C-alpha atoms as a PDB file:
ATOM      1  CA  MET A   1       0.058   0.198  -0.100  1.00  0.00           C
ATOM      2  CA  LEU A   2       2.953   2.457   0.928  1.00  0.00           C
ATOM      3  CA  PHE A   3       3.639   2.184  -3.009  1.00  0.00           C
ATOM      4  CA  TYR A   4       0.375   3.393  -3.884  1.00  0.00           C
ATOM      5  CA  ALA A   5      -0.034   5.880  -1.644  1.00  0.00           C
ATOM      6  CA  ILE A   6       3.672   7.068  -3.080  1.00  0.00           C
ATOM      7  CA  ALA A   7       2.146   6.951  -6.642  1.00  0.00           C
ATOM      8  CA  GLY A   8      -0.784   8.607  -5.774  1.00  0.00           C
ATOM      9  CA  VAL A   9       1.033  11.703  -4.619  1.00  0.00           C
ATOM     10  CA  TRP A  10       3.507  11.307  -7.747  1.00  0.00           C
ATOM     11  CA  PHE A  11       0.825  10.759 -10.000  1.00  0.00           C
ATOM     12  CA  GLY A  12      -1.900  12.980  -8.493  1.00  0.00           C
ATOM     13  CA  PHE A  13      -5.910  13.245  -7.860  1.00  0.00           C
ATOM     14  CA  ALA A  14      -6.793  10.814 -10.262  1.00  0.00           C
ATOM     15  CA  PHE A  15      -4.812   7.979  -9.273  1.00  0.00           C
ATOM     16  CA  ILE A  16      -6.305   8.424  -5.759  1.00  0.00           C
ATOM     17  CA  VAL A  17      -9.679   9.018  -7.042  1.00  0.00           C
ATOM     18  CA  THR A  18      -8.927   5.550  -9.246  1.00  0.00           C
ATOM     19  CA  LEU A  19      -7.430   3.539  -6.369  1.00  0.00           C
ATOM     20  CA  ILE A  20     -10.421   4.735  -3.848  1.00  0.00           C
ATOM     21  CA  HIS A  21     -13.179   3.404  -6.790  1.00  0.00           C
ATOM     22  CA  TYR A  22     -11.268  -0.029  -6.895  1.00  0.00           C
ATOM     23  CA  TYR A  23     -11.651  -0.907  -3.351  1.00  0.00           C
ATOM     24  CA  TYR A  24     -15.291   0.241  -3.350  1.00  0.00           C
ATOM     25  CA  ALA A  25     -16.691  -0.423  -6.865  1.00  0.00           C
ATOM     26  CA  GLY A  26     -15.464  -4.541  -6.688  1.00  0.00           C
ATOM     27  CA  ALA A  27     -16.501  -6.329  -9.293  1.00  0.00           C
ATOM     28  CA  ALA A  28     -18.425  -3.243 -11.346  1.00  0.00           C
ATOM     29  CA  PHE A  29     -14.379  -1.920 -11.573  1.00  0.00           C
ATOM     30  CA  LEU A  30     -14.226  -2.566 -14.601  1.00  0.00           C
ATOM     31  CA  LEU A  31     -17.449  -1.340 -16.117  1.00  0.00           C
ATOM     32  CA  TRP A  32     -16.198   1.741 -14.255  1.00  0.00           C
ATOM     33  CA  MET A  33     -13.220   2.314 -15.846  1.00  0.00           C
ATOM     34  CA  ALA A  34     -14.689   1.390 -18.821  1.00  0.00           C
ATOM     35  CA  VAL A  35     -17.385   4.176 -18.796  1.00  0.00           C
ATOM     36  CA  VAL A  36     -15.832   6.995 -16.690  1.00  0.00           C
ATOM     37  CA  HIS A  37     -12.102   6.650 -18.579  1.00  0.00           C
ATOM     38  CA  GLY A  38     -13.982   5.721 -22.251  1.00  0.00           C
ATOM     39  CA  GLY A  39     -16.270   8.145 -22.074  1.00  0.00           C
ATOM     40  CA  GLY A  40     -13.652  10.718 -21.201  1.00  0.00           C
ATOM     41  CA  LEU A  41     -11.425  10.052 -24.269  1.00  0.00           C
ATOM     42  CA  VAL A  42     -14.265  10.325 -26.352  1.00  0.00           C
ATOM     43  CA  LEU A  43     -15.206  13.972 -24.935  1.00  0.00           C
ATOM     44  CA  GLY A  44     -11.282  14.355 -25.476  1.00  0.00           C
ATOM     45  CA  GLY A  45     -11.880  13.467 -29.079  1.00  0.00           C
ATOM     46  CA  PHE A  46     -14.969  15.733 -29.675  1.00  0.00           C
ATOM     47  CA  TRP A  47     -13.264  18.653 -27.774  1.00  0.00           C
ATOM     48  CA  MET A  48      -9.857  18.160 -30.312  1.00  0.00           C
ATOM     49  CA  ARG A  49     -12.182  18.217 -33.151  1.00  0.00           C
ATOM     50  CA  ARG A  50     -13.677  21.297 -32.528  1.00  0.00           C
ATOM     51  CA  ILE A  51     -10.169  22.985 -32.327  1.00  0.00           C
END
């Protein structure tokens, strides 16, 4: 857990939130990752297309 804590401090808030969701989501974690991070990629693509 020490390495996760150090990585959270090093990589920032997003890593800590992902780690927290990993422990609380349980079996639904993969679905959470697909929806949230996949949705972020889609929104980023729309934003880049607009520029």
